[in-house]
C-alpha atoms as a PDB file:
ATOM      1  CA  MET A   1      -9.659  -6.161  17.179  1.00  0.00           C
ATOM      2  CA  THR A   2     -10.487  -9.537  15.699  1.00  0.00           C
ATOM      3  CA  PRO A   3      -9.567 -12.380  18.085  1.00  0.00           C
ATOM      4  CA  THR A   4      -6.728 -14.707  17.136  1.00  0.00           C
ATOM      5  CA  ILE A   5      -5.490 -18.112  18.281  1.00  0.00           C
ATOM      6  CA  PRO A   6      -2.797 -17.329  20.874  1.00  0.00           C
ATOM      7  CA  ASP A   7       0.780 -18.241  19.905  1.00  0.00           C
ATOM      8  CA  PHE A   8      -0.218 -18.988  16.308  1.00  0.00           C
ATOM      9  CA  ALA A   9       1.398 -17.096  13.425  1.00  0.00           C
ATOM     10  CA  TYR A  10      -0.865 -15.603  10.757  1.00  0.00           C
ATOM     11  CA  ARG A  11      -0.169 -15.230   7.070  1.00  0.00           C
ATOM     12  CA  ARG A  12      -1.862 -15.137   3.694  1.00  0.00           C
ATOM     13  CA  VAL A  13      -0.977 -17.923   1.291  1.00  0.00           C
ATOM     14  CA  PRO A  14      -1.779 -17.932  -2.457  1.00  0.00           C
ATOM     15  CA  VAL A  15      -3.528 -21.188  -3.401  1.00  0.00           C
ATOM     16  CA  ALA A  16      -5.051 -20.472  -6.823  1.00  0.00           C
ATOM     17  CA  VAL A  17      -5.216 -17.713  -9.406  1.00  0.00           C
ATOM     18  CA  ASP A  18      -6.331 -14.585  -7.526  1.00  0.00           C
ATOM     19  CA  VAL A  19      -7.167 -16.564  -4.372  1.00  0.00           C
ATOM     20  CA  SER A  20      -5.205 -16.406  -1.129  1.00  0.00           C
ATOM     21  CA  LEU A  21      -6.258 -17.946   2.171  1.00  0.00           C
ATOM     22  CA  ASN A  22      -5.865 -16.469   5.618  1.00  0.00           C
ATOM     23  CA  VAL A  23      -4.223 -19.133   7.779  1.00  0.00           C
ATOM     24  CA  ALA A  24      -3.068 -19.523  11.371  1.00  0.00           C
ATOM     25  CA  VAL A  25      -0.172 -21.933  11.956  1.00  0.00           C
ATOM     26  CA  GLY A  26       1.199 -23.129  15.265  1.00  0.00           C
ATOM     27  CA  GLY A  27       3.194 -25.916  16.876  1.00  0.00           C
ATOM     28  CA  SER A  28       5.607 -28.380  15.314  1.00  0.00           C
ATOM     29  CA  GLY A  29       5.509 -32.012  14.274  1.00  0.00           C
ATOM     30  CA  SER A  30       3.399 -33.933  11.787  1.00  0.00           C
ATOM     31  CA  PRO A  31       0.835 -31.622  10.149  1.00  0.00           C
ATOM     32  CA  VAL A  32      -2.880 -31.588  10.868  1.00  0.00           C
ATOM     33  CA  VAL A  33      -5.259 -29.247   9.049  1.00  0.00           C
ATOM     34  CA  LEU A  34      -8.474 -28.049  10.717  1.00  0.00           C
ATOM     35  CA  LEU A  35     -11.302 -26.691   8.519  1.00  0.00           C
ATOM     36  CA  HIS A  36     -14.104 -24.608  10.010  1.00  0.00           C
ATOM     37  CA  GLY A  37     -17.820 -24.728   9.348  1.00  0.00           C
ATOM     38  CA  PHE A  38     -20.758 -22.312   8.949  1.00  0.00           C
ATOM     39  CA  PRO A  39     -21.270 -19.625  10.168  1.00  0.00           C
ATOM     40  CA  GLN A  40     -17.776 -19.531  11.615  1.00  0.00           C
ATOM     41  CA  THR A  41     -14.108 -18.991  10.840  1.00  0.00           C
ATOM     42  CA  HIS A  42     -10.884 -20.773  11.782  1.00  0.00           C
ATOM     43  CA  LEU A  43     -11.420 -19.439  15.326  1.00  0.00           C
ATOM     44  CA  MET A  44     -13.836 -22.291  16.072  1.00  0.00           C
ATOM     45  CA  TRP A  45     -10.742 -24.522  16.438  1.00  0.00           C
ATOM     46  CA  ARG A  46      -8.989 -22.278  18.984  1.00  0.00           C
ATOM     47  CA  HIS A  47      -9.166 -24.777  21.879  1.00  0.00           C
ATOM     48  CA  VAL A  48      -8.443 -27.888  19.818  1.00  0.00           C
ATOM     49  CA  ALA A  49      -5.629 -26.203  17.887  1.00  0.00           C
ATOM     50  CA  ALA A  50      -3.864 -25.051  21.043  1.00  0.00           C
ATOM     51  CA  ASP A  51      -3.859 -28.594  22.437  1.00  0.00           C
ATOM     52  CA  LEU A  52      -2.749 -30.328  19.230  1.00  0.00           C
ATOM     53  CA  ALA A  53       0.042 -27.782  18.733  1.00  0.00           C
ATOM     54  CA  ALA A  54       1.943 -29.453  21.599  1.00  0.00           C
ATOM     55  CA  ASP A  55       3.088 -32.143  19.170  1.00  0.00           C
ATOM     56  CA  HIS A  56       1.744 -31.295  15.720  1.00  0.00           C
ATOM     57  CA  THR A  57       2.042 -28.516  13.190  1.00  0.00           C
ATOM     58  CA  VAL A  58      -1.534 -27.237  13.253  1.00  0.00           C
ATOM     59  CA  ILE A  59      -2.848 -25.400  10.195  1.00  0.00           C
ATOM     60  CA  CYS A  60      -6.136 -23.496  10.545  1.00  0.00           C
ATOM     61  CA  PRO A  61      -7.256 -21.658   7.394  1.00  0.00           C
ATOM     62  CA  ASP A  62     -10.336 -19.645   6.633  1.00  0.00           C
ATOM     63  CA  LEU A  63     -11.962 -21.394   3.675  1.00  0.00           C
ATOM     64  CA  ARG A  64     -12.257 -19.445   0.434  1.00  0.00           C
ATOM     65  CA  GLY A  65     -15.279 -17.190   0.730  1.00  0.00           C
ATOM     66  CA  TYR A  66     -15.084 -17.029   4.537  1.00  0.00           C
ATOM     67  CA  GLY A  67     -13.329 -15.011   7.211  1.00  0.00           C
ATOM     68  CA  ALA A  68     -10.302 -13.080   6.009  1.00  0.00           C
ATOM     69  CA  SER A  69      -9.677 -15.311   2.987  1.00  0.00           C
ATOM     70  CA  ASP A  70     -10.388 -14.120  -0.544  1.00  0.00           C
ATOM     71  CA  LYS A  71     -13.947 -14.264  -1.827  1.00  0.00           C
ATOM     72  CA  PRO A  72     -13.838 -14.713  -5.600  1.00  0.00           C
ATOM     73  CA  VAL A  73     -16.938 -13.981  -7.622  1.00  0.00           C
ATOM     74  CA  GLU A  74     -18.715 -17.140  -8.788  1.00  0.00           C
ATOM     75  CA  ALA A  75     -17.753 -17.569 -12.431  1.00  0.00           C
ATOM     76  CA  ASP A  76     -18.932 -20.883 -13.867  1.00  0.00           C
ATOM     77  CA  GLY A  77     -20.512 -22.922 -11.084  1.00  0.00           C
ATOM     78  CA  THR A  78     -17.180 -24.387  -9.958  1.00  0.00           C
ATOM     79  CA  THR A  79     -15.742 -21.481  -7.955  1.00  0.00           C
ATOM     80  CA  TYR A  80     -17.164 -22.810  -4.684  1.00  0.00           C
ATOM     81  CA  ALA A  81     -17.390 -26.482  -5.585  1.00  0.00           C
ATOM     82  CA  LYS A  82     -15.977 -28.593  -2.783  1.00  0.00           C
ATOM     83  CA  ARG A  83     -13.528 -30.005  -5.323  1.00  0.00           C
ATOM     84  CA  THR A  84     -12.177 -26.495  -5.877  1.00  0.00           C
ATOM     85  CA  MET A  85     -12.071 -25.720  -2.164  1.00  0.00           C
ATOM     86  CA  ALA A  86     -10.336 -29.041  -1.439  1.00  0.00           C
ATOM     87  CA  ALA A  87      -7.689 -28.203  -4.042  1.00  0.00           C
ATOM     88  CA  ASP A  88      -7.137 -24.930  -2.171  1.00  0.00           C
ATOM     89  CA  ILE A  89      -6.296 -26.862   0.978  1.00  0.00           C
ATOM     90  CA  VAL A  90      -3.863 -29.234  -0.721  1.00  0.00           C
ATOM     91  CA  ALA A  91      -2.136 -26.238  -2.358  1.00  0.00           C
ATOM     92  CA  LEU A  92      -2.025 -24.419   0.973  1.00  0.00           C
ATOM     93  CA  VAL A  93      -0.385 -27.297   2.816  1.00  0.00           C
ATOM     94  CA  ARG A  94       2.142 -27.820   0.036  1.00  0.00           C
ATOM     95  CA  ALA A  95       2.996 -24.122   0.106  1.00  0.00           C
ATOM     96  CA  LEU A  96       3.710 -24.558   3.810  1.00  0.00           C
ATOM     97  CA  GLY A  97       6.123 -27.384   3.028  1.00  0.00           C
ATOM     98  CA  HIS A  98       4.079 -30.552   3.592  1.00  0.00           C
ATOM     99  CA  GLU A  99       3.033 -33.195   1.081  1.00  0.00           C
ATOM    100  CA  ARG A 100       0.946 -35.381   3.440  1.00  0.00           C
ATOM    101  CA  PHE A 101      -1.277 -34.349   6.315  1.00  0.00           C
ATOM    102  CA  ALA A 102      -4.122 -35.341   8.592  1.00  0.00           C
ATOM    103  CA  LEU A 103      -7.331 -33.433   7.911  1.00  0.00           C
ATOM    104  CA  ALA A 104     -10.332 -32.615  10.084  1.00  0.00           C
ATOM    105  CA  GLY A 105     -13.362 -30.578   9.108  1.00  0.00           C
ATOM    106  CA  HIS A 106     -16.553 -29.422  10.751  1.00  0.00           C
ATOM    107  CA  ASP A 107     -19.822 -28.720   8.924  1.00  0.00           C
ATOM    108  CA  ARG A 108     -18.914 -27.052   5.580  1.00  0.00           C
ATOM    109  CA  GLY A 109     -15.267 -27.729   6.297  1.00  0.00           C
ATOM    110  CA  ALA A 110     -16.102 -31.413   6.684  1.00  0.00           C
ATOM    111  CA  LEU A 111     -17.574 -31.439   3.175  1.00  0.00           C
ATOM    112  CA  VAL A 112     -14.350 -29.908   1.868  1.00  0.00           C
ATOM    113  CA  ALA A 113     -12.364 -32.478   3.842  1.00  0.00           C
ATOM    114  CA  PHE A 114     -14.500 -35.323   2.469  1.00  0.00           C
ATOM    115  CA  ARG A 115     -13.853 -34.169  -1.082  1.00  0.00           C
ATOM    116  CA  ALA A 116     -10.130 -33.772  -0.373  1.00  0.00           C
ATOM    117  CA  GLY A 117     -10.034 -37.351   0.895  1.00  0.00           C
ATOM    118  CA  LEU A 118     -11.648 -38.645  -2.303  1.00  0.00           C
ATOM    119  CA  ASP A 119      -9.680 -36.455  -4.716  1.00  0.00           C
ATOM    120  CA  HIS A 120      -6.285 -36.439  -2.986  1.00  0.00           C
ATOM    121  CA  PRO A 121      -5.796 -39.770  -1.176  1.00  0.00           C
ATOM    122  CA  GLU A 122      -2.056 -39.481  -1.714  1.00  0.00           C
ATOM    123  CA  ALA A 123      -2.025 -36.347   0.451  1.00  0.00           C
ATOM    124  CA  VAL A 124      -4.632 -37.015   3.163  1.00  0.00           C
ATOM    125  CA  THR A 125      -3.358 -39.577   5.674  1.00  0.00           C
ATOM    126  CA  HIS A 126      -6.243 -39.441   8.166  1.00  0.00           C
ATOM    127  CA  LEU A 127      -9.679 -37.845   7.881  1.00  0.00           C
ATOM    128  CA  ALA A 128     -12.151 -36.613  10.496  1.00  0.00           C
ATOM    129  CA  CYS A 129     -15.589 -35.192   9.685  1.00  0.00           C
ATOM    130  CA  LEU A 130     -17.634 -33.496  12.400  1.00  0.00           C
ATOM    131  CA  ASP A 131     -21.435 -33.346  12.370  1.00  0.00           C
ATOM    132  CA  VAL A 132     -22.199 -33.645   8.702  1.00  0.00           C
ATOM    133  CA  LEU A 133     -23.268 -36.154   6.070  1.00  0.00           C
ATOM    134  CA  PRO A 134     -21.727 -36.324   2.602  1.00  0.00           C
ATOM    135  CA  THR A 135     -23.633 -33.943   0.339  1.00  0.00           C
ATOM    136  CA  LEU A 136     -25.410 -36.578  -1.742  1.00  0.00           C
ATOM    137  CA  ASP A 137     -26.604 -38.419   1.368  1.00  0.00           C
ATOM    138  CA  MET A 138     -27.647 -35.188   3.057  1.00  0.00           C
ATOM    139  CA  TRP A 139     -30.057 -34.300   0.281  1.00  0.00           C
ATOM    140  CA  ASN A 140     -31.356 -37.862   0.117  1.00  0.00           C
ATOM    141  CA  VAL A 141     -32.359 -37.955   3.803  1.00  0.00           C
ATOM    142  CA  MET A 142     -33.978 -34.510   3.950  1.00  0.00           C
ATOM    143  CA  HIS A 143     -37.737 -35.039   3.743  1.00  0.00           C
ATOM    144  CA  GLY A 144     -40.948 -34.210   5.548  1.00  0.00           C
ATOM    145  CA  THR A 145     -41.465 -31.604   8.245  1.00  0.00           C
ATOM    146  CA  ALA A 146     -38.373 -32.748  10.166  1.00  0.00           C
ATOM    147  CA  ALA A 147     -36.284 -31.380   7.296  1.00  0.00           C
ATOM    148  CA  ALA A 148     -37.326 -27.840   8.268  1.00  0.00           C
ATOM    149  CA  VAL A 149     -34.181 -27.771  10.392  1.00  0.00           C
ATOM    150  CA  GLY A 150     -32.327 -27.468   7.096  1.00  0.00           C
ATOM    151  CA  PHE A 151     -34.349 -24.585   5.675  1.00  0.00           C
ATOM    152  CA  HIS A 152     -31.154 -22.639   4.998  1.00  0.00           C
ATOM    153  CA  LEU A 153     -29.993 -25.359   2.587  1.00  0.00           C
ATOM    154  CA  TYR A 154     -33.049 -24.811   0.412  1.00  0.00           C
ATOM    155  CA  LEU A 155     -32.944 -21.023   0.722  1.00  0.00           C
ATOM    156  CA  MET A 156     -29.329 -20.751  -0.400  1.00  0.00           C
ATOM    157  CA  ALA A 157     -29.874 -23.249  -3.213  1.00  0.00           C
ATOM    158  CA  GLN A 158     -32.113 -20.750  -5.000  1.00  0.00           C
ATOM    159  CA  PRO A 159     -30.921 -18.850  -8.105  1.00  0.00           C
ATOM    160  CA  ALA A 160     -28.510 -15.990  -7.527  1.00  0.00           C
ATOM    161  CA  GLY A 161     -30.097 -12.792  -6.272  1.00  0.00           C
ATOM    162  CA  LEU A 162     -32.994 -13.854  -4.085  1.00  0.00           C
ATOM    163  CA  PRO A 163     -31.212 -15.496  -1.124  1.00  0.00           C
ATOM    164  CA  GLU A 164     -28.470 -12.877  -1.119  1.00  0.00           C
ATOM    165  CA  ARG A 165     -30.954 -10.014  -0.901  1.00  0.00           C
ATOM    166  CA  MET A 166     -32.980 -11.723   1.811  1.00  0.00           C
ATOM    167  CA  ILE A 167     -29.951 -12.483   3.976  1.00  0.00           C
ATOM    168  CA  GLU A 168     -28.298  -9.101   3.417  1.00  0.00           C
ATOM    169  CA  ALA A 169     -31.458  -7.426   4.731  1.00  0.00           C
ATOM    170  CA  ASP A 170     -30.531  -8.610   8.251  1.00  0.00           C
ATOM    171  CA  PRO A 171     -27.388 -10.748   8.226  1.00  0.00           C
ATOM    172  CA  ASP A 172     -26.830 -10.672  11.988  1.00  0.00           C
ATOM    173  CA  THR A 173     -30.259 -12.165  12.650  1.00  0.00           C
ATOM    174  CA  PHE A 174     -29.797 -14.805   9.967  1.00  0.00           C
ATOM    175  CA  PHE A 175     -26.319 -15.983  10.940  1.00  0.00           C
ATOM    176  CA  GLY A 176     -26.912 -15.415  14.644  1.00  0.00           C
ATOM    177  CA  HIS A 177     -29.933 -17.718  14.486  1.00  0.00           C
ATOM    178  CA  PHE A 178     -27.667 -20.707  13.818  1.00  0.00           C
ATOM    179  CA  LEU A 179     -25.191 -19.727  16.504  1.00  0.00           C
ATOM    180  CA  ASP A 180     -28.132 -19.680  18.923  1.00  0.00           C
ATOM    181  CA  ILE A 181     -30.042 -22.842  18.007  1.00  0.00           C
ATOM    182  CA  TRP A 182     -27.141 -25.145  17.180  1.00  0.00           C
ATOM    183  CA  THR A 183     -25.383 -24.946  20.521  1.00  0.00           C
ATOM    184  CA  ASN A 184     -26.287 -26.710  23.752  1.00  0.00           C
ATOM    185  CA  THR A 185     -23.817 -24.570  25.706  1.00  0.00           C
ATOM    186  CA  PRO A 186     -24.221 -20.885  24.769  1.00  0.00           C
ATOM    187  CA  GLN A 187     -21.154 -19.805  26.755  1.00  0.00           C
ATOM    188  CA  ALA A 188     -19.017 -21.984  24.489  1.00  0.00           C
ATOM    189  CA  VAL A 189     -19.208 -19.145  21.945  1.00  0.00           C
ATOM    190  CA  PRO A 190     -18.324 -16.051  24.014  1.00  0.00           C
ATOM    191  CA  ALA A 191     -19.326 -12.550  22.978  1.00  0.00           C
ATOM    192  CA  ASP A 192     -16.046 -11.593  21.307  1.00  0.00           C
ATOM    193  CA  ILE A 193     -15.948 -14.788  19.234  1.00  0.00           C
ATOM    194  CA  ARG A 194     -19.608 -14.443  18.286  1.00  0.00           C
ATOM    195  CA  ALA A 195     -18.979 -10.858  17.193  1.00  0.00           C
ATOM    196  CA  ALA A 196     -16.030 -12.007  15.073  1.00  0.00           C
ATOM    197  CA  TYR A 197     -18.184 -14.643  13.374  1.00  0.00           C
ATOM    198  CA  LEU A 198     -20.953 -12.152  12.630  1.00  0.00           C
ATOM    199  CA  ASP A 199     -18.494  -9.536  11.373  1.00  0.00           C
ATOM    200  CA  ALA A 200     -16.978 -12.090   9.011  1.00  0.00           C
ATOM    201  CA  CYS A 201     -20.344 -13.318   7.723  1.00  0.00           C
ATOM    202  CA  ARG A 202     -21.700  -9.821   7.236  1.00  0.00           C
ATOM    203  CA  THR A 203     -19.105  -9.184   4.527  1.00  0.00           C
ATOM    204  CA  ALA A 204     -19.341 -12.642   2.951  1.00  0.00           C
ATOM    205  CA  VAL A 205     -23.015 -13.201   2.197  1.00  0.00           C
ATOM    206  CA  THR A 206     -22.507 -13.645  -1.534  1.00  0.00           C
ATOM    207  CA  SER A 207     -19.670 -16.150  -1.196  1.00  0.00           C
ATOM    208  CA  ILE A 208     -21.351 -18.121   1.590  1.00  0.00           C
ATOM    209  CA  VAL A 209     -24.491 -18.453  -0.505  1.00  0.00           C
ATOM    210  CA  ALA A 210     -22.352 -19.524  -3.476  1.00  0.00           C
ATOM    211  CA  ASP A 211     -20.779 -22.233  -1.308  1.00  0.00           C
ATOM    212  CA  TYR A 212     -24.205 -23.575  -0.333  1.00  0.00           C
ATOM    213  CA  ARG A 213     -25.576 -23.238  -3.857  1.00  0.00           C
ATOM    214  CA  ALA A 214     -22.713 -25.409  -5.101  1.00  0.00           C
ATOM    215  CA  SER A 215     -23.820 -28.107  -2.665  1.00  0.00           C
ATOM    216  CA  ALA A 216     -27.205 -28.274  -4.356  1.00  0.00           C
ATOM    217  CA  ARG A 217     -25.652 -28.544  -7.806  1.00  0.00           C
ATOM    218  CA  ILE A 218     -22.100 -29.472  -8.746  1.00  0.00           C
ATOM    219  CA  ASP A 219     -21.226 -31.077  -5.413  1.00  0.00           C
ATOM    220  CA  VAL A 220     -24.151 -33.482  -5.732  1.00  0.00           C
ATOM    221  CA  ASP A 221     -23.123 -34.363  -9.274  1.00  0.00           C
ATOM    222  CA  GLN A 222     -19.536 -35.039  -8.244  1.00  0.00           C
ATOM    223  CA  ASP A 223     -20.562 -37.131  -5.231  1.00  0.00           C
ATOM    224  CA  ARG A 224     -22.929 -39.154  -7.409  1.00  0.00           C
ATOM    225  CA  ALA A 225     -20.191 -39.756  -9.986  1.00  0.00           C
ATOM    226  CA  ASP A 226     -17.891 -41.034  -7.242  1.00  0.00           C
ATOM    227  CA  ARG A 227     -20.577 -43.269  -5.783  1.00  0.00           C
ATOM    228  CA  ASP A 228     -21.384 -44.702  -9.210  1.00  0.00           C
ATOM    229  CA  ALA A 229     -17.664 -45.365  -9.731  1.00  0.00           C
ATOM    230  CA  GLY A 230     -17.373 -47.106  -6.356  1.00  0.00           C
ATOM    231  CA  SER A 231     -14.916 -44.525  -5.012  1.00  0.00           C
ATOM    232  CA  GLN A 232     -14.188 -44.724  -1.296  1.00  0.00           C
ATOM    233  CA  LEU A 233     -12.038 -43.030   1.297  1.00  0.00           C
ATOM    234  CA  ARG A 234      -8.898 -45.125   1.616  1.00  0.00           C
ATOM    235  CA  MET A 235      -7.513 -43.616   4.815  1.00  0.00           C
ATOM    236  CA  PRO A 236      -8.684 -44.127   8.415  1.00  0.00           C
ATOM    237  CA  VAL A 237     -11.822 -42.019   8.926  1.00  0.00           C
ATOM    238  CA  THR A 238     -13.423 -40.760  12.130  1.00  0.00           C
ATOM    239  CA  VAL A 239     -16.904 -39.235  12.152  1.00  0.00           C
ATOM    240  CA  LEU A 240     -18.387 -37.534  15.202  1.00  0.00           C
ATOM    241  CA  GLN A 241     -22.041 -36.671  14.861  1.00  0.00           C
ATOM    242  CA  GLN A 242     -25.128 -35.693  16.767  1.00  0.00           C
ATOM    243  CA  ASP A 243     -28.023 -38.156  16.593  1.00  0.00           C
ATOM    244  CA  TRP A 244     -29.780 -36.661  13.593  1.00  0.00           C
ATOM    245  CA  GLY A 245     -31.081 -40.015  12.452  1.00  0.00           C
ATOM    246  CA  GLY A 246     -33.749 -40.275  15.117  1.00  0.00           C
ATOM    247  CA  ALA A 247     -35.608 -37.270  13.718  1.00  0.00           C
ATOM    248  CA  LEU A 248     -34.964 -37.826  10.029  1.00  0.00           C
ATOM    249  CA  GLY A 249     -35.068 -41.631  10.046  1.00  0.00           C
ATOM    250  CA  PHE A 250     -31.661 -42.697   8.784  1.00  0.00           C
ATOM    251  CA  ASP A 251     -28.631 -44.622  10.009  1.00  0.00           C
ATOM    252  CA  ALA A 252     -25.736 -42.154   9.883  1.00  0.00           C
ATOM    253  CA  ARG A 253     -23.110 -44.795  10.525  1.00  0.00           C
ATOM    254  CA  ALA A 254     -24.360 -46.932   7.630  1.00  0.00           C
ATOM    255  CA  LEU A 255     -24.337 -43.960   5.267  1.00  0.00           C
ATOM    256  CA  TRP A 256     -20.756 -43.115   6.216  1.00  0.00           C
ATOM    257  CA  LYS A 257     -19.634 -46.744   6.108  1.00  0.00           C
ATOM    258  CA  ALA A 258     -20.541 -46.929   2.428  1.00  0.00           C
ATOM    259  CA  TRP A 259     -17.922 -44.251   1.772  1.00  0.00           C
ATOM    260  CA  ALA A 260     -15.378 -45.124   4.456  1.00  0.00           C
ATOM    261  CA  PRO A 261     -14.571 -48.799   5.070  1.00  0.00           C
ATOM    262  CA  HIS A 262     -11.999 -47.847   7.742  1.00  0.00           C
ATOM    263  CA  LEU A 263     -14.569 -45.929   9.804  1.00  0.00           C
ATOM    264  CA  THR A 264     -14.896 -45.041  13.453  1.00  0.00           C
ATOM    265  CA  HIS A 265     -18.313 -43.448  14.015  1.00  0.00           C
ATOM    266  CA  THR A 266     -19.243 -41.836  17.332  1.00  0.00           C
ATOM    267  CA  THR A 267     -22.533 -40.233  18.345  1.00  0.00           C
ATOM    268  CA  VAL A 268     -21.982 -37.220  20.595  1.00  0.00           C
ATOM    269  CA  THR A 269     -24.314 -35.532  23.066  1.00  0.00           C
ATOM    270  CA  CYS A 270     -22.979 -31.980  22.753  1.00  0.00           C
ATOM    271  CA  GLY A 271     -24.376 -29.466  20.287  1.00  0.00           C
ATOM    272  CA  HIS A 272     -23.307 -28.841  16.709  1.00  0.00           C
ATOM    273  CA  PHE A 273     -20.376 -26.614  17.628  1.00  0.00           C
ATOM    274  CA  MET A 274     -18.595 -29.525  19.266  1.00  0.00           C
ATOM    275  CA  ALA A 275     -15.038 -28.221  18.904  1.00  0.00           C
ATOM    276  CA  GLU A 276     -16.093 -25.317  21.133  1.00  0.00           C
ATOM    277  CA  GLU A 277     -18.521 -27.163  23.397  1.00  0.00           C
ATOM    278  CA  ALA A 278     -16.493 -30.348  23.934  1.00  0.00           C
ATOM    279  CA  PRO A 279     -12.907 -29.645  22.826  1.00  0.00           C
ATOM    280  CA  GLU A 280     -11.410 -32.338  25.054  1.00  0.00           C
ATOM    281  CA  GLN A 281     -13.563 -34.991  23.377  1.00  0.00           C
ATOM    282  CA  ILE A 282     -12.607 -33.728  19.918  1.00  0.00           C
ATOM    283  CA  VAL A 283      -8.902 -33.640  20.773  1.00  0.00           C
ATOM    284  CA  ALA A 284      -9.062 -37.189  22.110  1.00  0.00           C
ATOM    285  CA  ALA A 285     -10.844 -38.415  18.975  1.00  0.00           C
ATOM    286  CA  LEU A 286      -8.340 -36.718  16.673  1.00  0.00           C
ATOM    287  CA  ARG A 287      -5.353 -38.052  18.583  1.00  0.00           C
ATOM    288  CA  GLU A 288      -6.815 -41.540  18.484  1.00  0.00           C
ATOM    289  CA  LEU A 289      -7.426 -41.212  14.749  1.00  0.00           C
ATOM    290  CA  MET A 290      -3.895 -40.014  14.013  1.00  0.00           C
ATOM    291  CA  ALA A 291      -2.475 -42.928  15.998  1.00  0.00           C
ATOM    292  CA  ARG A 292      -4.159 -45.447  13.662  1.00  0.00           C
END
């Protein structure tokens, strides 16, 4: 059986035409939404969610295209735009009875959270982004041989057909590669959780690729339009990030500060899957953020 977050209730919530999200909800109090990254599901938040549920309503969805959520076929280049996925989250939280909420995202989920903060400032009260750069900045800093760490970004940016066929030839090796190399503490992702991630990815290759392909196209365009317009995140923002800048030669805090004037930026020493490797640190950072 697929693992679940203990003491959380599961349901499917319609958020758009023909799209429902699988979501785990637990606790009571002011709402906080936790968005997972690649190649994971909502289960990556299991430790953090259990702690926050002591005094918050904690909402952990699978993003569209991931986990047990619906995986619509890409129609016009916008199906997996972060703007579309952010609208899903706002609709989800409203369907659960909340108009305003704190929002934290990791990896792909952080890109969705970033877009939600820009597009829906009336709804997002506090924003946390874990181990990611905004899409436009990410592409701008990727250069030289050090950028090989992001080979998957370039692979999944290719026209439909090629990356899907390559990944579907051996999905467990492809997705498992990132679970292996992006963690400093392998036991942080135990066998049953790893199996759940791989099972979920195995049936979602097309939608995962569509998500990444959007980040090489429409997401860049929308970020650039916001930057040109001087748009910024109005709410308190916390970013926790590994020290990528040393290898790729950029100042992560400065890049984030341009988007988020009310920024707290922390460099962490754990691996990419920080909510699983260092949940106490993530909980502390989120509680501090929500107290601002």
